[in-house]
Each structure stands twice: as structure tokens, then as C-alpha cells.
């Protein structure tokens, strides 16, 4: 299986990423993608920017491990995970998770699995700046932890 993991400031082209995923095998019958965008509000406040930080090397390693876990559960041809860091603005793309497989069910499940694990297990730190000038760290949500539980055996 082909695994691509990129963490950086550069934006990504969703169409190009999907075409690349489909090209890895003539047996690909499904490409499923998830694109996460920055919202302009959180916890009832208007948000102007979000700054994402990570631990270079460790972050990519952990994302690769998450993708390998998905590969053990579903027969995948290729997986791409792109996560942006730095200062982002509302409606900026933050994350891309794309999976190619022979069948849609496997691709959908693997994509959800990877995203659920990214939200809880990948070492990223997020700081928001609100309209009032407040800066605050974003804590993990309880709903993300609950989503992760459905995958545990």
C-alpha cells in the first residue's frame, strides 16, 4: 500500500490528491476523502485565526502508525494524510484524509477511522485568537474521544 503523510504550511489541491489516490491501482473502485476546514466560531465566540503547532518527526511518525492501523483492518491501495500547521484563517483547509480501496465500504470506514484517530492521537496543538483578542488553547472534545471508542476492540 502507498502511504503519503505531509505536515506543513502549504495548502493542498483536493482534486490532484484524489487523482493521485485513484492512480495507485487499476483495481481501485472507490476513493473517499475528508477535508477539514477552519470554522469562524468555536465555543460561542467568533474566531479570527487558529495557529497549529506540532512536533516535527514525531507527528509524521504517529500519523503513519495510524494509517498502518487502518491498513491492518481494511484492504487499501493508497492513503494520503495532509495536515497543515501555522496560522490559518476561517475556511482555510486544515486536513485532508484520502483513501483508495476496491470497495466503497472499506474506503469510507478507513477514512473515518483515520480521521477519528487523528483528532485524538496525533500530536498537534491548536491556539485560537478570538474577535475580542483573547488567545486560548483548544482542548480535545469529549465527542472526539467517544468517536474513537467505536473502533477499539
N, C-alpha and C. Protein backbone atom coordinates (compact mmCIF):
# COMPACT_ATOMS: atom_id res chain seq x y z
N UNK A 1 0.84 -1.17 0.00
CA UNK A 1 0.00 0.00 0.00
C UNK A 1 0.89 1.24 0.00
N UNK A 2 0.46 2.24 -0.73
CA UNK A 2 1.17 3.50 -0.78
C UNK A 2 0.66 4.43 0.32
N UNK A 3 1.57 4.97 1.11
CA UNK A 3 1.21 5.90 2.19
C UNK A 3 1.93 7.22 1.97
N UNK A 4 1.16 8.31 1.96
CA UNK A 4 1.73 9.65 1.87
C UNK A 4 1.28 10.41 3.11
N UNK A 5 2.23 10.96 3.84
CA UNK A 5 1.93 11.79 5.02
C UNK A 5 2.74 13.08 4.87
N UNK A 6 2.03 14.21 4.87
CA UNK A 6 2.69 15.50 4.78
C UNK A 6 2.14 16.43 5.86
N UNK A 7 3.03 17.08 6.58
CA UNK A 7 2.66 18.08 7.58
C UNK A 7 3.45 19.33 7.24
N UNK A 8 2.73 20.45 7.04
CA UNK A 8 3.43 21.68 6.69
C UNK A 8 2.47 22.83 6.51
N UNK A 9 3.01 23.95 6.11
CA UNK A 9 2.21 25.17 5.96
C UNK A 9 1.48 25.25 4.63
N UNK A 10 1.94 24.52 3.63
CA UNK A 10 1.39 24.64 2.28
C UNK A 10 -0.04 24.10 2.20
N UNK A 11 -0.87 24.80 1.42
CA UNK A 11 -2.22 24.33 1.13
C UNK A 11 -2.13 23.13 0.19
N UNK A 12 -3.25 22.50 -0.08
CA UNK A 12 -3.27 21.32 -0.94
C UNK A 12 -4.41 21.43 -1.95
N UNK A 13 -4.25 20.71 -3.06
CA UNK A 13 -5.23 20.66 -4.13
C UNK A 13 -6.00 19.35 -4.01
N UNK A 14 -7.24 19.43 -3.57
CA UNK A 14 -8.05 18.23 -3.31
C UNK A 14 -8.18 17.38 -4.57
N UNK A 15 -8.45 17.99 -5.70
CA UNK A 15 -8.60 17.25 -6.95
C UNK A 15 -7.35 16.47 -7.32
N UNK A 16 -6.19 17.12 -7.20
CA UNK A 16 -4.93 16.46 -7.52
C UNK A 16 -4.66 15.30 -6.57
N UNK A 17 -4.98 15.49 -5.30
CA UNK A 17 -4.76 14.42 -4.32
C UNK A 17 -5.66 13.22 -4.63
N UNK A 18 -6.91 13.47 -5.01
CA UNK A 18 -7.82 12.37 -5.33
C UNK A 18 -7.38 11.63 -6.58
N UNK A 19 -6.93 12.37 -7.59
CA UNK A 19 -6.44 11.71 -8.82
C UNK A 19 -5.23 10.84 -8.49
N UNK A 20 -4.34 11.33 -7.64
CA UNK A 20 -3.16 10.55 -7.27
C UNK A 20 -3.56 9.27 -6.54
N UNK A 21 -4.55 9.36 -5.66
CA UNK A 21 -5.01 8.16 -4.94
C UNK A 21 -5.59 7.13 -5.90
N UNK A 22 -6.38 7.58 -6.86
CA UNK A 22 -7.01 6.65 -7.82
C UNK A 22 -5.98 5.99 -8.73
N UNK A 23 -4.85 6.64 -8.94
CA UNK A 23 -3.86 6.13 -9.90
C UNK A 23 -3.02 4.98 -9.35
N UNK A 24 -3.12 4.67 -8.09
CA UNK A 24 -2.24 3.66 -7.50
C UNK A 24 -2.61 2.23 -7.85
N UNK A 25 -3.83 1.99 -8.28
CA UNK A 25 -4.20 0.63 -8.66
C UNK A 25 -5.36 0.66 -9.65
N UNK A 26 -5.26 -0.15 -10.71
CA UNK A 26 -6.39 -0.25 -11.63
C UNK A 26 -7.58 -0.96 -11.00
N UNK A 27 -7.38 -1.55 -9.82
CA UNK A 27 -8.47 -2.21 -9.11
C UNK A 27 -9.22 -1.26 -8.17
N UNK A 28 -8.77 0.01 -8.09
CA UNK A 28 -9.46 0.98 -7.25
C UNK A 28 -10.89 1.15 -7.73
N UNK A 29 -11.82 0.93 -6.82
CA UNK A 29 -13.22 1.13 -7.12
C UNK A 29 -13.81 2.28 -6.32
N UNK A 30 -13.00 2.81 -5.37
CA UNK A 30 -13.51 3.88 -4.52
C UNK A 30 -12.34 4.73 -4.03
N UNK A 31 -12.56 6.02 -4.07
CA UNK A 31 -11.68 6.99 -3.41
C UNK A 31 -12.58 7.81 -2.51
N UNK A 32 -12.29 7.78 -1.23
CA UNK A 32 -13.06 8.55 -0.26
C UNK A 32 -12.12 9.57 0.35
N UNK A 33 -12.64 10.78 0.51
CA UNK A 33 -11.82 11.85 1.06
C UNK A 33 -12.58 12.60 2.14
N UNK A 34 -11.81 13.17 3.04
CA UNK A 34 -12.35 14.09 4.02
C UNK A 34 -11.47 15.33 3.99
N UNK A 35 -12.09 16.50 3.97
CA UNK A 35 -11.36 17.75 4.04
C UNK A 35 -11.90 18.54 5.22
N UNK A 36 -11.05 18.85 6.16
CA UNK A 36 -11.43 19.65 7.32
C UNK A 36 -11.10 21.10 7.07
N UNK A 37 -12.05 21.98 7.39
CA UNK A 37 -11.89 23.42 7.20
C UNK A 37 -11.90 24.13 8.55
N UNK A 38 -11.27 25.27 8.60
CA UNK A 38 -11.32 26.07 9.83
C UNK A 38 -12.65 26.81 9.88
N UNK A 39 -13.33 26.68 11.03
CA UNK A 39 -14.59 27.41 11.26
C UNK A 39 -14.30 28.81 11.79
N UNK A 40 -15.26 29.70 11.64
CA UNK A 40 -15.10 31.06 12.13
C UNK A 40 -15.66 31.25 13.54
N UNK A 41 -16.07 30.16 14.17
CA UNK A 41 -16.57 30.27 15.54
C UNK A 41 -16.27 28.98 16.30
N UNK A 42 -16.15 29.12 17.62
CA UNK A 42 -15.93 27.96 18.48
C UNK A 42 -16.35 28.38 19.89
N UNK A 43 -17.05 27.51 20.56
CA UNK A 43 -17.49 27.74 21.94
C UNK A 43 -18.26 29.06 22.06
N UNK A 44 -19.02 29.40 21.02
CA UNK A 44 -19.84 30.60 21.05
C UNK A 44 -19.11 31.89 20.74
N UNK A 45 -17.83 31.82 20.42
CA UNK A 45 -17.04 33.02 20.12
C UNK A 45 -16.65 33.05 18.65
N UNK A 46 -16.55 34.26 18.10
CA UNK A 46 -16.02 34.44 16.75
C UNK A 46 -14.51 34.21 16.79
N UNK A 47 -14.01 33.42 15.87
CA UNK A 47 -12.58 33.09 15.83
C UNK A 47 -11.97 33.72 14.58
N UNK A 48 -10.88 34.48 14.78
CA UNK A 48 -10.20 35.15 13.67
C UNK A 48 -9.12 34.29 13.05
N UNK A 49 -8.34 33.62 13.91
CA UNK A 49 -7.26 32.75 13.42
C UNK A 49 -7.12 31.54 14.33
N UNK A 50 -6.47 30.54 13.79
CA UNK A 50 -6.07 29.38 14.58
C UNK A 50 -4.63 29.07 14.21
N UNK A 51 -3.81 28.90 15.22
CA UNK A 51 -2.41 28.54 14.98
C UNK A 51 -2.21 27.10 15.40
N UNK A 52 -1.73 26.29 14.48
CA UNK A 52 -1.47 24.88 14.76
C UNK A 52 0.03 24.66 14.86
N UNK A 53 0.42 23.96 15.92
CA UNK A 53 1.82 23.61 16.14
C UNK A 53 1.92 22.09 16.19
N UNK A 54 3.11 21.59 15.93
CA UNK A 54 3.32 20.14 16.01
C UNK A 54 4.77 19.86 16.40
N UNK A 55 5.04 18.62 16.62
CA UNK A 55 6.39 18.17 16.97
C UNK A 55 6.95 17.48 15.73
N UNK A 56 7.77 18.17 14.92
CA UNK A 56 8.26 17.59 13.66
C UNK A 56 8.93 16.23 13.88
N UNK A 57 8.65 15.33 13.00
CA UNK A 57 9.18 13.97 13.09
C UNK A 57 8.24 13.07 13.87
N UNK A 58 7.94 13.45 15.10
CA UNK A 58 7.04 12.65 15.92
C UNK A 58 5.62 12.66 15.33
N UNK A 59 5.17 13.81 14.87
CA UNK A 59 3.82 13.92 14.32
C UNK A 59 3.67 13.04 13.09
N UNK A 60 4.60 13.12 12.16
CA UNK A 60 4.53 12.30 10.95
C UNK A 60 4.59 10.81 11.27
N UNK A 61 5.43 10.46 12.23
CA UNK A 61 5.53 9.06 12.65
C UNK A 61 4.21 8.55 13.21
N UNK A 62 3.58 9.36 14.04
CA UNK A 62 2.31 8.93 14.65
C UNK A 62 1.21 8.83 13.60
N UNK A 63 1.16 9.75 12.67
CA UNK A 63 0.16 9.66 11.60
C UNK A 63 0.39 8.42 10.75
N UNK A 64 1.63 8.11 10.44
CA UNK A 64 1.94 6.89 9.67
C UNK A 64 1.48 5.65 10.44
N UNK A 65 1.69 5.63 11.73
CA UNK A 65 1.22 4.49 12.55
C UNK A 65 -0.30 4.36 12.49
N UNK A 66 -1.01 5.48 12.52
CA UNK A 66 -2.47 5.45 12.43
C UNK A 66 -2.90 4.87 11.09
N UNK A 67 -2.25 5.31 10.02
CA UNK A 67 -2.58 4.79 8.68
C UNK A 67 -2.29 3.30 8.61
N UNK A 68 -1.19 2.86 9.20
CA UNK A 68 -0.87 1.43 9.20
C UNK A 68 -1.91 0.62 9.98
N UNK A 69 -2.46 1.19 11.05
CA UNK A 69 -3.55 0.52 11.77
C UNK A 69 -4.77 0.34 10.86
N UNK A 70 -5.07 1.37 10.09
CA UNK A 70 -6.20 1.28 9.15
C UNK A 70 -5.93 0.21 8.09
N UNK A 71 -4.70 0.15 7.64
CA UNK A 71 -4.32 -0.85 6.63
C UNK A 71 -4.49 -2.28 7.16
N UNK A 72 -4.28 -2.47 8.45
CA UNK A 72 -4.47 -3.80 9.03
C UNK A 72 -5.94 -4.19 9.08
N UNK A 73 -6.84 -3.23 9.11
CA UNK A 73 -8.27 -3.51 9.21
C UNK A 73 -8.97 -3.62 7.86
N UNK A 74 -8.51 -2.84 6.88
CA UNK A 74 -9.18 -2.79 5.58
C UNK A 74 -8.16 -2.94 4.47
N UNK A 75 -8.55 -3.59 3.36
CA UNK A 75 -7.63 -3.73 2.22
C UNK A 75 -7.59 -2.42 1.41
N UNK A 76 -6.55 -1.65 1.62
CA UNK A 76 -6.42 -0.34 0.99
C UNK A 76 -5.30 -0.37 -0.05
N UNK A 77 -5.46 0.45 -1.08
CA UNK A 77 -4.41 0.59 -2.09
C UNK A 77 -3.49 1.77 -1.78
N UNK A 78 -4.09 2.85 -1.33
CA UNK A 78 -3.29 4.05 -1.05
C UNK A 78 -4.00 4.92 -0.04
N UNK A 79 -3.21 5.64 0.74
CA UNK A 79 -3.75 6.58 1.73
C UNK A 79 -2.87 7.82 1.74
N UNK A 80 -3.54 8.97 1.78
CA UNK A 80 -2.83 10.25 1.89
C UNK A 80 -3.41 11.03 3.07
N UNK A 81 -2.53 11.51 3.92
CA UNK A 81 -2.93 12.40 5.01
C UNK A 81 -2.06 13.65 4.91
N UNK A 82 -2.73 14.79 4.80
CA UNK A 82 -2.04 16.08 4.77
C UNK A 82 -2.62 16.90 5.91
N UNK A 83 -1.75 17.44 6.74
CA UNK A 83 -2.21 18.28 7.84
C UNK A 83 -1.40 19.57 7.83
N UNK A 84 -2.10 20.68 7.83
CA UNK A 84 -1.43 21.97 7.81
C UNK A 84 -1.10 22.44 9.22
N UNK A 85 -0.06 23.24 9.31
CA UNK A 85 0.33 23.89 10.56
C UNK A 85 0.57 25.37 10.25
N UNK A 86 0.77 26.15 11.30
CA UNK A 86 0.95 27.58 11.12
C UNK A 86 -0.35 28.31 11.39
N UNK A 87 -0.42 29.55 10.97
CA UNK A 87 -1.61 30.37 11.19
C UNK A 87 -2.60 30.15 10.05
N UNK A 88 -3.84 29.80 10.43
CA UNK A 88 -4.90 29.57 9.45
C UNK A 88 -6.07 30.50 9.74
N UNK A 89 -6.86 30.74 8.70
CA UNK A 89 -7.99 31.66 8.77
C UNK A 89 -9.28 30.91 8.44
N UNK A 90 -10.44 31.47 8.83
CA UNK A 90 -11.71 30.79 8.54
C UNK A 90 -11.82 30.39 7.07
N UNK A 91 -12.28 29.16 6.89
CA UNK A 91 -12.47 28.50 5.61
C UNK A 91 -11.18 27.99 4.97
N UNK A 92 -10.02 28.18 5.61
CA UNK A 92 -8.80 27.55 5.13
C UNK A 92 -8.91 26.04 5.32
N UNK A 93 -8.33 25.30 4.39
CA UNK A 93 -8.25 23.85 4.54
C UNK A 93 -7.21 23.53 5.61
N UNK A 94 -7.59 22.61 6.50
CA UNK A 94 -6.67 22.20 7.57
C UNK A 94 -6.11 20.81 7.30
N UNK A 95 -7.01 19.88 6.98
CA UNK A 95 -6.60 18.48 6.89
C UNK A 95 -7.26 17.81 5.70
N UNK A 96 -6.51 16.91 5.07
CA UNK A 96 -7.02 16.06 4.00
C UNK A 96 -6.71 14.62 4.39
N UNK A 97 -7.73 13.78 4.37
CA UNK A 97 -7.54 12.34 4.53
C UNK A 97 -8.19 11.70 3.31
N UNK A 98 -7.42 10.97 2.55
CA UNK A 98 -7.94 10.30 1.37
C UNK A 98 -7.51 8.85 1.34
N UNK A 99 -8.43 8.00 0.91
CA UNK A 99 -8.19 6.55 0.91
C UNK A 99 -8.69 5.96 -0.40
N UNK A 100 -7.93 5.06 -1.00
CA UNK A 100 -8.41 4.32 -2.16
C UNK A 100 -8.45 2.84 -1.82
N UNK A 101 -9.53 2.20 -2.26
CA UNK A 101 -9.74 0.78 -1.99
C UNK A 101 -10.57 0.20 -3.13
N UNK A 102 -10.72 -1.09 -3.14
CA UNK A 102 -11.53 -1.73 -4.17
C UNK A 102 -13.01 -1.43 -3.97
N UNK A 103 -13.43 -1.29 -2.73
CA UNK A 103 -14.86 -1.14 -2.43
C UNK A 103 -15.12 0.07 -1.54
N UNK A 104 -16.25 0.72 -1.74
CA UNK A 104 -16.58 1.96 -1.03
C UNK A 104 -16.68 1.77 0.48
N UNK A 105 -17.24 0.64 0.92
CA UNK A 105 -17.40 0.42 2.35
C UNK A 105 -16.04 0.47 3.06
N UNK A 106 -15.05 -0.24 2.50
CA UNK A 106 -13.71 -0.24 3.10
C UNK A 106 -13.12 1.17 3.10
N UNK A 107 -13.29 1.90 2.00
CA UNK A 107 -12.72 3.24 1.89
C UNK A 107 -13.38 4.20 2.89
N UNK A 108 -14.73 4.15 2.99
CA UNK A 108 -15.42 5.03 3.94
C UNK A 108 -14.98 4.72 5.37
N UNK A 109 -14.97 3.45 5.73
CA UNK A 109 -14.61 3.06 7.09
C UNK A 109 -13.19 3.47 7.43
N UNK A 110 -12.26 3.21 6.53
CA UNK A 110 -10.86 3.55 6.78
C UNK A 110 -10.66 5.06 6.91
N UNK A 111 -11.34 5.83 6.08
CA UNK A 111 -11.22 7.28 6.14
C UNK A 111 -11.74 7.81 7.49
N UNK A 112 -12.88 7.32 7.92
CA UNK A 112 -13.42 7.73 9.22
C UNK A 112 -12.51 7.33 10.38
N UNK A 113 -12.01 6.11 10.31
CA UNK A 113 -11.10 5.59 11.33
C UNK A 113 -9.87 6.50 11.45
N UNK A 114 -9.25 6.81 10.33
CA UNK A 114 -8.05 7.64 10.33
C UNK A 114 -8.36 9.01 10.90
N UNK A 115 -9.46 9.60 10.48
CA UNK A 115 -9.81 10.93 10.97
C UNK A 115 -10.09 10.91 12.47
N UNK A 116 -10.81 9.91 12.95
CA UNK A 116 -11.09 9.81 14.38
C UNK A 116 -9.79 9.68 15.19
N UNK A 117 -8.85 8.90 14.70
CA UNK A 117 -7.58 8.76 15.40
C UNK A 117 -6.74 10.03 15.31
N UNK A 118 -6.77 10.71 14.16
CA UNK A 118 -6.03 11.97 14.04
C UNK A 118 -6.49 12.99 15.08
N UNK A 119 -7.81 13.09 15.26
CA UNK A 119 -8.36 14.08 16.19
C UNK A 119 -7.92 13.84 17.62
N UNK A 120 -7.60 12.61 17.97
CA UNK A 120 -7.31 12.29 19.37
C UNK A 120 -5.86 11.85 19.62
N UNK A 121 -5.19 11.32 18.62
CA UNK A 121 -3.89 10.69 18.83
C UNK A 121 -2.71 11.41 18.19
N UNK A 122 -2.96 12.26 17.21
CA UNK A 122 -1.85 12.94 16.54
C UNK A 122 -1.42 14.16 17.37
N UNK A 123 -0.12 14.35 17.55
CA UNK A 123 0.36 15.44 18.41
C UNK A 123 0.34 16.80 17.70
N UNK A 124 -0.82 17.44 17.77
CA UNK A 124 -0.99 18.81 17.28
C UNK A 124 -1.51 19.66 18.44
N UNK A 125 -1.12 20.92 18.46
CA UNK A 125 -1.62 21.85 19.46
C UNK A 125 -2.22 23.02 18.71
N UNK A 126 -3.43 23.42 19.13
CA UNK A 126 -4.17 24.48 18.44
C UNK A 126 -4.44 25.64 19.39
N UNK A 127 -4.15 26.85 18.90
CA UNK A 127 -4.42 28.06 19.66
C UNK A 127 -5.29 28.98 18.80
N UNK A 128 -6.42 29.40 19.36
CA UNK A 128 -7.33 30.29 18.65
C UNK A 128 -7.15 31.74 19.12
N UNK A 129 -7.38 32.66 18.19
CA UNK A 129 -7.46 34.07 18.54
C UNK A 129 -8.86 34.54 18.19
N UNK A 130 -9.59 35.03 19.20
CA UNK A 130 -10.99 35.40 19.01
C UNK A 130 -11.10 36.87 18.61
N UNK A 131 -12.30 37.26 18.26
CA UNK A 131 -12.60 38.64 17.86
C UNK A 131 -12.27 39.63 18.98
N UNK A 132 -12.38 39.19 20.22
CA UNK A 132 -12.07 40.07 21.36
C UNK A 132 -10.57 40.16 21.65
N UNK A 133 -9.76 39.42 20.90
CA UNK A 133 -8.31 39.44 21.11
C UNK A 133 -7.81 38.34 22.03
N UNK A 134 -8.74 37.60 22.63
CA UNK A 134 -8.35 36.50 23.52
C UNK A 134 -7.63 35.42 22.72
N UNK A 135 -6.57 34.88 23.32
CA UNK A 135 -5.90 33.71 22.74
C UNK A 135 -6.08 32.55 23.70
N UNK A 136 -6.48 31.41 23.17
CA UNK A 136 -6.72 30.25 24.03
C UNK A 136 -6.36 28.97 23.30
N UNK A 137 -5.86 28.02 24.09
CA UNK A 137 -5.57 26.69 23.56
C UNK A 137 -6.87 25.94 23.41
N UNK A 138 -6.97 25.14 22.35
CA UNK A 138 -8.18 24.36 22.10
C UNK A 138 -7.98 22.97 22.69
N UNK A 139 -8.86 22.60 23.59
CA UNK A 139 -8.81 21.28 24.21
C UNK A 139 -9.50 20.25 23.34
N UNK A 140 -9.12 18.99 23.51
CA UNK A 140 -9.79 17.89 22.82
C UNK A 140 -11.25 17.83 23.27
N UNK A 141 -12.11 17.48 22.35
CA UNK A 141 -13.53 17.39 22.66
C UNK A 141 -13.88 15.99 23.15
N UNK A 142 -14.84 15.93 24.04
CA UNK A 142 -15.33 14.65 24.53
C UNK A 142 -15.92 13.82 23.39
N UNK A 143 -16.56 14.49 22.44
CA UNK A 143 -17.16 13.77 21.31
C UNK A 143 -16.10 13.08 20.45
N UNK A 144 -14.89 13.66 20.37
CA UNK A 144 -13.81 13.02 19.63
C UNK A 144 -13.37 11.73 20.33
N UNK A 145 -13.30 11.77 21.65
CA UNK A 145 -12.94 10.57 22.41
C UNK A 145 -14.01 9.49 22.26
N UNK A 146 -15.27 9.90 22.26
CA UNK A 146 -16.37 8.93 22.08
C UNK A 146 -16.32 8.30 20.70
N UNK A 147 -16.01 9.09 19.68
CA UNK A 147 -15.92 8.56 18.31
C UNK A 147 -14.82 7.52 18.21
N UNK A 148 -13.73 7.74 18.91
CA UNK A 148 -12.61 6.82 18.88
C UNK A 148 -12.97 5.46 19.49
N UNK A 149 -13.82 5.46 20.50
CA UNK A 149 -14.17 4.23 21.20
C UNK A 149 -14.82 3.19 20.29
N UNK A 150 -15.52 3.62 19.28
CA UNK A 150 -16.22 2.65 18.41
C UNK A 150 -15.24 1.78 17.62
N UNK A 151 -13.99 2.22 17.48
CA UNK A 151 -13.01 1.45 16.71
C UNK A 151 -12.23 0.47 17.57
N UNK A 152 -12.31 0.63 18.88
CA UNK A 152 -11.49 -0.21 19.76
C UNK A 152 -12.15 -1.56 19.95
N UNK A 153 -11.29 -2.56 19.91
CA UNK A 153 -11.77 -3.95 20.02
C UNK A 153 -11.91 -4.32 21.49
